[in-house]
N, C-alpha and C. Protein backbone atom coordinates (compact mmCIF):
# COMPACT_ATOMS: atom_id res chain seq x y z
N MET A 1 0.82 -1.21 0.00
CA MET A 1 0.00 0.00 0.00
C MET A 1 0.86 1.26 0.00
N ILE A 2 2.03 1.20 0.65
CA ILE A 2 2.93 2.35 0.65
C ILE A 2 3.57 2.51 -0.72
N VAL A 3 4.05 1.39 -1.29
CA VAL A 3 4.73 1.44 -2.59
C VAL A 3 3.80 1.96 -3.69
N VAL A 4 2.55 1.51 -3.70
CA VAL A 4 1.63 1.89 -4.78
C VAL A 4 0.91 3.20 -4.50
N GLY A 5 1.19 3.83 -3.35
CA GLY A 5 0.62 5.14 -3.07
C GLY A 5 -0.75 5.12 -2.42
N GLU A 6 -1.21 3.93 -2.04
CA GLU A 6 -2.50 3.85 -1.35
C GLU A 6 -2.39 4.51 0.03
N LEU A 7 -1.21 4.35 0.64
CA LEU A 7 -0.88 5.10 1.86
C LEU A 7 0.10 6.19 1.43
N LEU A 8 -0.29 7.43 1.62
CA LEU A 8 0.45 8.56 1.06
C LEU A 8 1.72 8.88 1.84
N PRO A 9 2.72 9.48 1.18
CA PRO A 9 3.94 9.90 1.87
C PRO A 9 3.62 10.79 3.06
N GLY A 10 4.24 10.48 4.20
CA GLY A 10 4.03 11.27 5.40
C GLY A 10 2.78 10.92 6.18
N GLU A 11 1.93 10.04 5.63
CA GLU A 11 0.67 9.70 6.31
C GLU A 11 0.95 8.90 7.57
N LYS A 12 0.28 9.28 8.67
CA LYS A 12 0.44 8.55 9.92
C LYS A 12 -0.22 7.19 9.78
N LEU A 13 0.48 6.17 10.22
CA LEU A 13 0.01 4.79 10.08
C LEU A 13 -0.53 4.31 11.42
N LYS A 14 -1.83 4.36 11.55
CA LYS A 14 -2.48 3.99 12.81
C LYS A 14 -2.74 2.50 12.84
N ILE A 15 -2.31 1.88 13.92
CA ILE A 15 -2.41 0.42 14.04
C ILE A 15 -3.85 -0.04 13.88
N GLU A 16 -4.78 0.62 14.55
CA GLU A 16 -6.17 0.19 14.52
C GLU A 16 -6.75 0.28 13.11
N GLY A 17 -6.46 1.37 12.42
CA GLY A 17 -6.96 1.53 11.05
C GLY A 17 -6.41 0.47 10.12
N LEU A 18 -5.11 0.18 10.24
CA LEU A 18 -4.49 -0.84 9.40
C LEU A 18 -5.00 -2.24 9.75
N ARG A 19 -5.24 -2.45 11.04
CA ARG A 19 -5.75 -3.75 11.48
C ARG A 19 -7.10 -4.05 10.82
N LYS A 20 -7.96 -3.05 10.78
CA LYS A 20 -9.29 -3.24 10.16
C LYS A 20 -9.16 -3.41 8.65
N LYS A 21 -8.31 -2.60 8.05
CA LYS A 21 -8.16 -2.66 6.59
C LYS A 21 -7.59 -3.99 6.13
N LEU A 22 -6.65 -4.53 6.90
CA LEU A 22 -5.99 -5.76 6.51
C LEU A 22 -6.59 -7.01 7.15
N ALA A 23 -7.59 -6.79 8.03
CA ALA A 23 -8.27 -7.90 8.69
C ALA A 23 -7.29 -8.84 9.38
N THR A 24 -6.43 -8.24 10.19
CA THR A 24 -5.46 -9.04 10.93
C THR A 24 -5.25 -8.42 12.31
N GLY A 25 -4.42 -9.04 13.11
CA GLY A 25 -4.20 -8.57 14.46
C GLY A 25 -3.23 -7.40 14.53
N ALA A 26 -3.20 -6.76 15.70
CA ALA A 26 -2.32 -5.61 15.88
C ALA A 26 -0.85 -6.00 15.90
N SER A 27 -0.54 -7.17 16.45
CA SER A 27 0.87 -7.59 16.55
C SER A 27 1.54 -7.76 15.19
N PRO A 28 0.89 -8.44 14.22
CA PRO A 28 1.51 -8.53 12.89
C PRO A 28 1.69 -7.17 12.23
N ILE A 29 0.76 -6.25 12.49
CA ILE A 29 0.88 -4.90 11.92
C ILE A 29 2.11 -4.21 12.49
N ARG A 30 2.27 -4.26 13.80
CA ARG A 30 3.44 -3.62 14.44
C ARG A 30 4.74 -4.24 13.93
N GLU A 31 4.75 -5.56 13.79
CA GLU A 31 5.95 -6.24 13.31
C GLU A 31 6.27 -5.81 11.88
N ALA A 32 5.23 -5.74 11.03
CA ALA A 32 5.43 -5.33 9.63
C ALA A 32 5.96 -3.90 9.56
N LEU A 33 5.40 -3.00 10.36
CA LEU A 33 5.84 -1.61 10.34
C LEU A 33 7.29 -1.50 10.80
N SER A 34 7.65 -2.28 11.79
CA SER A 34 9.04 -2.26 12.27
C SER A 34 9.99 -2.75 11.18
N LEU A 35 9.58 -3.81 10.47
CA LEU A 35 10.42 -4.33 9.38
C LEU A 35 10.54 -3.32 8.25
N LEU A 36 9.45 -2.61 7.97
CA LEU A 36 9.46 -1.65 6.86
C LEU A 36 10.31 -0.42 7.17
N THR A 37 10.60 -0.18 8.45
CA THR A 37 11.51 0.93 8.76
C THR A 37 12.91 0.63 8.23
N SER A 38 13.29 -0.65 8.23
CA SER A 38 14.63 -1.01 7.73
C SER A 38 14.69 -0.92 6.22
N ASP A 39 13.51 -0.93 5.56
CA ASP A 39 13.46 -0.78 4.10
C ASP A 39 13.27 0.68 3.69
N ASN A 40 13.23 1.58 4.68
CA ASN A 40 13.06 3.02 4.42
C ASN A 40 11.72 3.38 3.80
N LEU A 41 10.72 2.52 4.00
CA LEU A 41 9.38 2.82 3.54
C LEU A 41 8.51 3.38 4.67
N VAL A 42 8.95 3.17 5.89
CA VAL A 42 8.22 3.64 7.08
C VAL A 42 9.20 4.33 8.02
N GLU A 43 8.73 5.38 8.69
CA GLU A 43 9.53 6.07 9.70
C GLU A 43 8.86 5.92 11.06
N ARG A 44 9.68 5.69 12.08
CA ARG A 44 9.16 5.64 13.44
C ARG A 44 9.19 7.07 14.00
N ILE A 45 8.08 7.51 14.57
CA ILE A 45 7.98 8.87 15.11
C ILE A 45 8.11 8.81 16.62
N ASP A 46 9.33 8.75 17.12
CA ASP A 46 9.60 8.71 18.57
C ASP A 46 8.61 7.78 19.27
N GLN A 47 7.86 8.34 20.20
CA GLN A 47 6.88 7.54 20.95
C GLN A 47 5.47 7.66 20.37
N ARG A 48 5.36 8.27 19.20
CA ARG A 48 4.03 8.56 18.65
C ARG A 48 3.62 7.64 17.51
N GLY A 49 4.34 6.56 17.31
CA GLY A 49 3.93 5.60 16.29
C GLY A 49 4.74 5.66 15.01
N PHE A 50 4.08 5.43 13.88
CA PHE A 50 4.75 5.32 12.59
C PHE A 50 4.08 6.21 11.55
N ARG A 51 4.83 6.51 10.49
CA ARG A 51 4.26 7.18 9.34
C ARG A 51 4.94 6.66 8.08
N ALA A 52 4.22 6.74 6.94
CA ALA A 52 4.83 6.39 5.67
C ALA A 52 5.95 7.39 5.38
N SER A 53 7.09 6.90 4.97
CA SER A 53 8.23 7.79 4.72
C SER A 53 7.86 8.88 3.71
N PRO A 54 8.25 10.12 3.99
CA PRO A 54 7.97 11.21 3.04
C PRO A 54 8.78 11.05 1.77
N THR A 55 8.41 11.77 0.72
CA THR A 55 9.13 11.74 -0.54
C THR A 55 9.68 13.13 -0.84
N SER A 56 10.74 13.18 -1.62
CA SER A 56 11.32 14.46 -2.02
C SER A 56 12.21 14.24 -3.23
N ARG A 57 12.54 15.31 -3.89
CA ARG A 57 13.45 15.23 -5.03
C ARG A 57 14.82 14.71 -4.60
N ASN A 58 15.34 15.19 -3.48
CA ASN A 58 16.65 14.73 -3.01
C ASN A 58 16.63 13.24 -2.71
N ASN A 59 15.54 12.78 -2.10
CA ASN A 59 15.42 11.37 -1.77
C ASN A 59 15.41 10.53 -3.05
N PHE A 60 14.65 10.97 -4.05
CA PHE A 60 14.59 10.23 -5.30
C PHE A 60 15.94 10.19 -5.99
N GLU A 61 16.64 11.32 -6.02
CA GLU A 61 17.94 11.37 -6.70
C GLU A 61 18.95 10.47 -6.01
N GLU A 62 18.88 10.36 -4.68
CA GLU A 62 19.77 9.46 -3.96
C GLU A 62 19.46 8.00 -4.30
N ILE A 63 18.17 7.67 -4.33
CA ILE A 63 17.75 6.31 -4.68
C ILE A 63 18.24 5.96 -6.08
N LEU A 64 18.06 6.87 -7.03
CA LEU A 64 18.48 6.63 -8.41
C LEU A 64 19.99 6.43 -8.51
N ALA A 65 20.75 7.27 -7.83
CA ALA A 65 22.22 7.16 -7.88
C ALA A 65 22.68 5.83 -7.29
N LEU A 66 22.12 5.45 -6.17
CA LEU A 66 22.50 4.18 -5.54
C LEU A 66 22.10 3.00 -6.42
N ARG A 67 20.90 3.10 -7.00
CA ARG A 67 20.43 2.02 -7.86
C ARG A 67 21.37 1.82 -9.05
N CYS A 68 21.78 2.90 -9.66
CA CYS A 68 22.69 2.80 -10.80
C CYS A 68 24.02 2.18 -10.39
N GLU A 69 24.57 2.61 -9.26
CA GLU A 69 25.87 2.09 -8.82
C GLU A 69 25.78 0.60 -8.49
N LEU A 70 24.77 0.23 -7.69
CA LEU A 70 24.71 -1.15 -7.22
C LEU A 70 24.26 -2.12 -8.31
N GLU A 71 23.32 -1.69 -9.16
CA GLU A 71 22.89 -2.60 -10.22
C GLU A 71 23.96 -2.76 -11.30
N ASP A 72 24.76 -1.74 -11.53
CA ASP A 72 25.88 -1.87 -12.44
C ASP A 72 26.82 -2.97 -11.94
N MET A 73 27.12 -2.93 -10.65
CA MET A 73 27.99 -3.93 -10.04
C MET A 73 27.37 -5.33 -10.13
N ALA A 74 26.06 -5.41 -9.75
CA ALA A 74 25.39 -6.71 -9.73
C ALA A 74 25.23 -7.29 -11.13
N LEU A 75 24.90 -6.44 -12.11
CA LEU A 75 24.71 -6.92 -13.48
C LEU A 75 26.01 -7.46 -14.05
N ARG A 76 27.10 -6.76 -13.82
CA ARG A 76 28.40 -7.22 -14.33
C ARG A 76 28.78 -8.57 -13.70
N GLN A 77 28.54 -8.72 -12.40
CA GLN A 77 28.84 -9.99 -11.74
C GLN A 77 27.92 -11.10 -12.26
N SER A 78 26.65 -10.74 -12.50
CA SER A 78 25.69 -11.72 -12.99
C SER A 78 26.09 -12.22 -14.38
N ILE A 79 26.48 -11.32 -15.26
CA ILE A 79 26.89 -11.71 -16.61
C ILE A 79 28.16 -12.55 -16.56
N ALA A 80 29.08 -12.19 -15.65
CA ALA A 80 30.32 -12.96 -15.52
C ALA A 80 30.05 -14.40 -15.06
N GLY A 81 28.97 -14.57 -14.28
CA GLY A 81 28.65 -15.90 -13.78
C GLY A 81 27.48 -16.55 -14.50
N GLN A 82 27.18 -16.09 -15.71
CA GLN A 82 25.97 -16.55 -16.39
C GLN A 82 25.99 -18.05 -16.68
N THR A 83 24.81 -18.63 -16.63
CA THR A 83 24.60 -20.04 -16.93
C THR A 83 23.45 -20.14 -17.93
N LEU A 84 23.26 -21.33 -18.47
CA LEU A 84 22.14 -21.54 -19.39
C LEU A 84 20.82 -21.32 -18.66
N GLU A 85 20.75 -21.77 -17.42
CA GLU A 85 19.52 -21.60 -16.64
C GLU A 85 19.22 -20.13 -16.43
N TRP A 86 20.26 -19.35 -16.15
CA TRP A 86 20.07 -17.90 -15.97
C TRP A 86 19.58 -17.25 -17.26
N GLU A 87 20.18 -17.63 -18.38
CA GLU A 87 19.78 -17.07 -19.67
C GLU A 87 18.31 -17.38 -19.94
N GLU A 88 17.91 -18.63 -19.70
CA GLU A 88 16.51 -19.02 -19.92
C GLU A 88 15.57 -18.24 -19.01
N SER A 89 15.99 -18.01 -17.77
CA SER A 89 15.17 -17.27 -16.81
C SER A 89 14.98 -15.83 -17.25
N VAL A 90 16.04 -15.21 -17.75
CA VAL A 90 15.96 -13.82 -18.23
C VAL A 90 15.01 -13.72 -19.42
N VAL A 91 15.16 -14.64 -20.39
CA VAL A 91 14.30 -14.62 -21.58
C VAL A 91 12.85 -14.86 -21.20
N LEU A 92 12.60 -15.81 -20.30
CA LEU A 92 11.23 -16.12 -19.89
C LEU A 92 10.60 -14.96 -19.13
N SER A 93 11.36 -14.34 -18.23
CA SER A 93 10.82 -13.22 -17.45
C SER A 93 10.51 -12.03 -18.36
N HIS A 94 11.35 -11.84 -19.38
CA HIS A 94 11.10 -10.77 -20.36
C HIS A 94 9.82 -11.06 -21.15
N HIS A 95 9.66 -12.29 -21.58
CA HIS A 95 8.46 -12.67 -22.33
C HIS A 95 7.19 -12.43 -21.50
N ARG A 96 7.22 -12.85 -20.24
CA ARG A 96 6.05 -12.68 -19.38
C ARG A 96 5.73 -11.21 -19.16
N MET A 97 6.77 -10.40 -18.98
CA MET A 97 6.57 -8.97 -18.78
C MET A 97 5.95 -8.33 -20.01
N ILE A 98 6.47 -8.63 -21.19
CA ILE A 98 5.96 -8.06 -22.43
C ILE A 98 4.51 -8.49 -22.67
N ARG A 99 4.21 -9.75 -22.43
CA ARG A 99 2.85 -10.25 -22.61
C ARG A 99 1.88 -9.52 -21.68
N ALA A 100 2.28 -9.33 -20.43
CA ALA A 100 1.42 -8.63 -19.47
C ALA A 100 1.20 -7.18 -19.87
N HIS A 101 2.25 -6.55 -20.41
CA HIS A 101 2.13 -5.16 -20.84
C HIS A 101 1.16 -5.04 -22.01
N LYS A 102 1.25 -5.96 -22.96
CA LYS A 102 0.39 -5.90 -24.15
C LYS A 102 -1.08 -6.15 -23.80
N THR A 103 -1.31 -7.01 -22.81
CA THR A 103 -2.69 -7.36 -22.45
C THR A 103 -3.26 -6.49 -21.34
N GLY A 104 -2.43 -5.59 -20.80
CA GLY A 104 -2.90 -4.74 -19.72
C GLY A 104 -3.07 -5.48 -18.41
N ASP A 105 -2.38 -6.59 -18.26
CA ASP A 105 -2.46 -7.41 -17.05
C ASP A 105 -1.98 -6.61 -15.85
N GLU A 106 -2.77 -6.65 -14.75
CA GLU A 106 -2.40 -5.89 -13.56
C GLU A 106 -1.16 -6.45 -12.88
N ALA A 107 -0.73 -7.63 -13.30
CA ALA A 107 0.50 -8.22 -12.74
C ALA A 107 1.76 -7.64 -13.38
N PHE A 108 1.60 -6.68 -14.30
CA PHE A 108 2.75 -6.17 -15.04
C PHE A 108 3.86 -5.66 -14.12
N GLU A 109 3.52 -4.87 -13.12
CA GLU A 109 4.58 -4.29 -12.28
C GLU A 109 5.37 -5.36 -11.55
N ASP A 110 4.70 -6.41 -11.08
CA ASP A 110 5.42 -7.51 -10.42
C ASP A 110 6.33 -8.21 -11.42
N LEU A 111 5.85 -8.39 -12.65
CA LEU A 111 6.64 -9.05 -13.69
C LEU A 111 7.78 -8.15 -14.17
N HIS A 112 7.56 -6.84 -14.12
CA HIS A 112 8.61 -5.88 -14.46
C HIS A 112 9.77 -6.00 -13.48
N LYS A 113 9.42 -6.06 -12.20
CA LYS A 113 10.48 -6.24 -11.19
C LYS A 113 11.16 -7.60 -11.37
N ALA A 114 10.37 -8.63 -11.65
CA ALA A 114 10.94 -9.97 -11.82
C ALA A 114 11.96 -9.99 -12.96
N PHE A 115 11.69 -9.25 -14.04
CA PHE A 115 12.63 -9.18 -15.15
C PHE A 115 13.93 -8.51 -14.72
N HIS A 116 13.82 -7.36 -14.06
CA HIS A 116 15.03 -6.64 -13.65
C HIS A 116 15.84 -7.44 -12.64
N MET A 117 15.17 -8.16 -11.74
CA MET A 117 15.90 -8.96 -10.77
C MET A 117 16.48 -10.22 -11.42
N ALA A 118 15.80 -10.75 -12.46
CA ALA A 118 16.34 -11.92 -13.18
C ALA A 118 17.67 -11.59 -13.84
N LEU A 119 17.78 -10.35 -14.34
CA LEU A 119 19.05 -9.93 -14.95
C LEU A 119 20.21 -10.03 -13.97
N LEU A 120 19.93 -9.81 -12.70
CA LEU A 120 20.98 -9.77 -11.68
C LEU A 120 21.16 -11.10 -10.97
N ALA A 121 20.28 -12.07 -11.24
CA ALA A 121 20.17 -13.26 -10.40
C ALA A 121 21.39 -14.17 -10.39
N SER A 122 22.25 -14.07 -11.39
CA SER A 122 23.44 -14.92 -11.41
C SER A 122 24.61 -14.29 -10.65
N CYS A 123 24.34 -13.15 -10.03
CA CYS A 123 25.33 -12.49 -9.17
C CYS A 123 25.35 -13.21 -7.83
N ASP A 124 26.49 -13.73 -7.44
CA ASP A 124 26.60 -14.50 -6.20
C ASP A 124 26.92 -13.57 -5.02
N ALA A 125 25.96 -12.67 -4.74
CA ALA A 125 26.15 -11.70 -3.67
C ALA A 125 24.78 -11.36 -3.08
N PRO A 126 24.28 -12.19 -2.16
CA PRO A 126 22.91 -12.05 -1.66
C PRO A 126 22.62 -10.71 -1.00
N ILE A 127 23.59 -10.12 -0.31
CA ILE A 127 23.35 -8.82 0.33
C ILE A 127 23.18 -7.74 -0.73
N LEU A 128 24.02 -7.79 -1.74
CA LEU A 128 23.91 -6.83 -2.85
C LEU A 128 22.55 -6.96 -3.54
N LEU A 129 22.11 -8.18 -3.78
CA LEU A 129 20.82 -8.41 -4.43
C LEU A 129 19.66 -7.91 -3.57
N LYS A 130 19.79 -8.07 -2.27
CA LYS A 130 18.75 -7.57 -1.36
C LYS A 130 18.65 -6.06 -1.45
N PHE A 131 19.80 -5.38 -1.47
CA PHE A 131 19.80 -3.92 -1.59
C PHE A 131 19.18 -3.49 -2.92
N CYS A 132 19.49 -4.22 -4.00
CA CYS A 132 18.94 -3.88 -5.31
C CYS A 132 17.42 -4.03 -5.30
N SER A 133 16.93 -5.06 -4.65
CA SER A 133 15.48 -5.27 -4.56
C SER A 133 14.82 -4.15 -3.76
N GLN A 134 15.43 -3.75 -2.65
CA GLN A 134 14.88 -2.67 -1.83
C GLN A 134 14.87 -1.35 -2.60
N LEU A 135 15.95 -1.08 -3.32
CA LEU A 135 16.02 0.16 -4.09
C LEU A 135 15.00 0.17 -5.22
N TYR A 136 14.74 -1.00 -5.79
CA TYR A 136 13.70 -1.08 -6.82
C TYR A 136 12.36 -0.62 -6.24
N ASP A 137 12.01 -1.14 -5.07
CA ASP A 137 10.73 -0.79 -4.43
C ASP A 137 10.66 0.70 -4.08
N LEU A 138 11.77 1.24 -3.59
CA LEU A 138 11.79 2.67 -3.26
C LEU A 138 11.63 3.51 -4.52
N ASN A 139 12.24 3.07 -5.61
CA ASN A 139 12.14 3.79 -6.88
C ASN A 139 10.74 3.69 -7.49
N ILE A 140 10.17 2.48 -7.47
CA ILE A 140 8.87 2.26 -8.11
C ILE A 140 7.79 3.07 -7.39
N ARG A 141 8.00 3.35 -6.13
CA ARG A 141 7.04 4.17 -5.38
C ARG A 141 6.85 5.53 -6.04
N TYR A 142 7.92 6.11 -6.52
CA TYR A 142 7.83 7.41 -7.19
C TYR A 142 7.08 7.30 -8.51
N ARG A 143 7.24 6.17 -9.20
CA ARG A 143 6.49 5.99 -10.44
C ARG A 143 5.00 5.90 -10.17
N TYR A 144 4.63 5.20 -9.12
CA TYR A 144 3.21 5.12 -8.77
C TYR A 144 2.68 6.49 -8.37
N LEU A 145 3.48 7.27 -7.63
CA LEU A 145 3.03 8.59 -7.21
C LEU A 145 2.88 9.54 -8.40
N ALA A 146 3.70 9.33 -9.43
CA ALA A 146 3.57 10.15 -10.63
C ALA A 146 2.29 9.82 -11.38
N GLY A 147 1.87 8.53 -11.29
CA GLY A 147 0.60 8.10 -11.86
C GLY A 147 0.46 8.41 -13.33
N SER A 148 -0.67 8.98 -13.71
CA SER A 148 -0.98 9.23 -15.12
C SER A 148 -0.07 10.28 -15.75
N ALA A 149 0.63 11.04 -14.90
CA ALA A 149 1.54 12.06 -15.44
C ALA A 149 2.76 11.42 -16.10
N LEU A 150 3.01 10.14 -15.76
CA LEU A 150 4.20 9.46 -16.28
C LEU A 150 3.91 8.93 -17.69
N ASN A 151 4.07 9.79 -18.65
CA ASN A 151 3.79 9.45 -20.05
C ASN A 151 5.10 9.56 -20.83
N TYR A 152 5.65 8.40 -21.21
CA TYR A 152 6.95 8.40 -21.89
C TYR A 152 6.80 8.78 -23.36
N LYS A 153 6.96 10.05 -23.66
CA LYS A 153 6.87 10.49 -25.05
C LYS A 153 8.19 10.21 -25.76
N ARG A 154 8.06 9.74 -27.00
CA ARG A 154 9.23 9.49 -27.85
C ARG A 154 10.19 8.46 -27.24
N ARG A 155 9.63 7.55 -26.42
CA ARG A 155 10.45 6.47 -25.87
C ARG A 155 9.78 5.13 -26.14
N ASP A 156 10.58 4.17 -26.54
CA ASP A 156 10.08 2.81 -26.70
C ASP A 156 10.70 1.99 -25.56
N VAL A 157 9.98 1.97 -24.43
CA VAL A 157 10.52 1.31 -23.24
C VAL A 157 10.67 -0.19 -23.47
N SER A 158 9.75 -0.79 -24.23
CA SER A 158 9.86 -2.22 -24.52
C SER A 158 11.14 -2.52 -25.29
N LYS A 159 11.48 -1.63 -26.23
CA LYS A 159 12.72 -1.82 -27.00
C LYS A 159 13.94 -1.66 -26.09
N GLU A 160 13.86 -0.76 -25.11
CA GLU A 160 14.97 -0.59 -24.16
C GLU A 160 15.17 -1.88 -23.37
N HIS A 161 14.06 -2.48 -22.90
CA HIS A 161 14.16 -3.74 -22.15
C HIS A 161 14.78 -4.84 -23.02
N GLU A 162 14.34 -4.91 -24.26
CA GLU A 162 14.85 -5.93 -25.17
C GLU A 162 16.34 -5.75 -25.42
N GLY A 163 16.78 -4.51 -25.56
CA GLY A 163 18.20 -4.23 -25.77
C GLY A 163 19.05 -4.64 -24.59
N ILE A 164 18.56 -4.37 -23.39
CA ILE A 164 19.28 -4.77 -22.16
C ILE A 164 19.39 -6.29 -22.11
N MET A 165 18.27 -6.97 -22.36
CA MET A 165 18.25 -8.43 -22.33
C MET A 165 19.24 -9.02 -23.34
N ASN A 166 19.18 -8.54 -24.57
CA ASN A 166 20.04 -9.11 -25.61
C ASN A 166 21.52 -8.91 -25.30
N ALA A 167 21.86 -7.73 -24.80
CA ALA A 167 23.27 -7.48 -24.46
C ALA A 167 23.71 -8.36 -23.30
N ALA A 168 22.82 -8.55 -22.33
CA ALA A 168 23.17 -9.37 -21.16
C ALA A 168 23.40 -10.82 -21.54
N ILE A 169 22.46 -11.41 -22.29
CA ILE A 169 22.60 -12.84 -22.58
C ILE A 169 23.69 -13.11 -23.62
N SER A 170 24.08 -12.05 -24.35
CA SER A 170 25.22 -12.23 -25.27
C SER A 170 26.55 -12.08 -24.55
N GLY A 171 26.49 -11.70 -23.26
CA GLY A 171 27.71 -11.60 -22.46
C GLY A 171 28.44 -10.29 -22.57
N ASP A 172 27.82 -9.28 -23.19
CA ASP A 172 28.46 -7.96 -23.35
C ASP A 172 28.11 -7.09 -22.14
N ALA A 173 28.92 -7.20 -21.10
CA ALA A 173 28.64 -6.51 -19.84
C ALA A 173 28.65 -4.99 -19.99
N ASP A 174 29.59 -4.47 -20.78
CA ASP A 174 29.67 -3.02 -20.96
C ASP A 174 28.41 -2.47 -21.62
N LEU A 175 27.96 -3.12 -22.69
CA LEU A 175 26.78 -2.66 -23.40
C LEU A 175 25.52 -2.84 -22.56
N ALA A 176 25.42 -3.97 -21.88
CA ALA A 176 24.25 -4.23 -21.03
C ALA A 176 24.15 -3.20 -19.93
N SER A 177 25.29 -2.90 -19.30
CA SER A 177 25.30 -1.91 -18.22
C SER A 177 24.95 -0.52 -18.75
N GLU A 178 25.54 -0.17 -19.89
CA GLU A 178 25.25 1.15 -20.49
C GLU A 178 23.76 1.29 -20.78
N GLN A 179 23.17 0.26 -21.35
CA GLN A 179 21.75 0.34 -21.70
C GLN A 179 20.87 0.34 -20.47
N LEU A 180 21.24 -0.44 -19.46
CA LEU A 180 20.45 -0.46 -18.22
C LEU A 180 20.48 0.90 -17.53
N LEU A 181 21.65 1.50 -17.41
CA LEU A 181 21.77 2.79 -16.72
C LEU A 181 21.09 3.90 -17.51
N ASN A 182 21.19 3.85 -18.84
CA ASN A 182 20.47 4.84 -19.66
C ASN A 182 18.96 4.71 -19.45
N HIS A 183 18.49 3.48 -19.37
CA HIS A 183 17.08 3.18 -19.14
C HIS A 183 16.61 3.82 -17.83
N TYR A 184 17.39 3.62 -16.77
CA TYR A 184 17.03 4.18 -15.47
C TYR A 184 17.12 5.70 -15.47
N ARG A 185 18.16 6.22 -16.09
CA ARG A 185 18.37 7.68 -16.05
C ARG A 185 17.33 8.43 -16.88
N LYS A 186 16.86 7.84 -17.96
CA LYS A 186 15.80 8.48 -18.74
C LYS A 186 14.52 8.61 -17.91
N THR A 187 14.15 7.52 -17.26
CA THR A 187 12.98 7.57 -16.39
C THR A 187 13.23 8.52 -15.22
N GLY A 188 14.44 8.47 -14.69
CA GLY A 188 14.79 9.34 -13.57
C GLY A 188 14.69 10.81 -13.93
N ALA A 189 15.16 11.17 -15.12
CA ALA A 189 15.11 12.57 -15.55
C ALA A 189 13.66 13.04 -15.67
N PHE A 190 12.79 12.15 -16.15
CA PHE A 190 11.39 12.51 -16.28
C PHE A 190 10.77 12.74 -14.90
N LEU A 191 11.07 11.84 -13.96
CA LEU A 191 10.50 11.98 -12.61
C LEU A 191 11.06 13.19 -11.89
N VAL A 192 12.34 13.48 -12.08
CA VAL A 192 12.93 14.67 -11.47
C VAL A 192 12.24 15.93 -12.00
N GLY A 193 11.90 15.89 -13.29
CA GLY A 193 11.16 17.02 -13.87
C GLY A 193 9.82 17.21 -13.20
N LEU A 194 9.12 16.10 -12.93
CA LEU A 194 7.85 16.20 -12.22
C LEU A 194 8.04 16.71 -10.80
N LEU A 195 9.10 16.24 -10.16
CA LEU A 195 9.37 16.67 -8.79
C LEU A 195 9.74 18.14 -8.74
N GLY A 196 10.34 18.61 -9.84
CA GLY A 196 10.68 20.03 -9.90
C GLY A 196 9.45 20.90 -9.98
N GLU A 197 8.39 20.37 -10.60
CA GLU A 197 7.14 21.15 -10.73
C GLU A 197 6.37 21.14 -9.42
N ALA A 198 6.37 20.02 -8.75
CA ALA A 198 5.64 19.90 -7.48
C ALA A 198 6.09 18.63 -6.78
N GLU A 199 6.32 18.71 -5.49
CA GLU A 199 6.73 17.55 -4.73
C GLU A 199 5.64 16.48 -4.82
N LEU A 200 6.04 15.26 -5.17
CA LEU A 200 5.05 14.19 -5.23
C LEU A 200 4.71 13.79 -3.80
N GLY A 201 3.43 13.83 -3.46
CA GLY A 201 3.03 13.51 -2.10
C GLY A 201 3.18 14.69 -1.20
């Protein structure tokens, strides 16, 4: 709910309200909120409870910079350790993502993340992969907050994904990394432009 913007940036997260909405007990809610503080999606407010982490241009730019640095490292390691199984996983995850996009399947965003994480999956560094996954979620939150304003004019995002995939499975780490970072930075520049007009959230 925080990632997709159902709970707004800075919104106070009341245990009772969340308990009713999620139809579960207060203890699991408290535990989840505590765990989400380590993912930087929730902030603890001293003795006054929790709130959804606020958003800002500076926060987004930091997330983007870290994502580019860490995914560059993870992608290069993944390509260096590539296997046939990894190659098949990347191609399959790309196919599923494209199919969901064409049909308007609501699972697209989950499949989009699955594709990006599949590219990194042959990297033998579990802590690095965990950070990449967390940064993906922090980044995607801004895309959800941008909502209908996020209209990629003069961009073929599907072709960008295909280019990244082809370079990766062909073993060209330099080209794959260049295309991946360009992909992120193009989206990042668009979101920074929106943040410049008005803070999201």
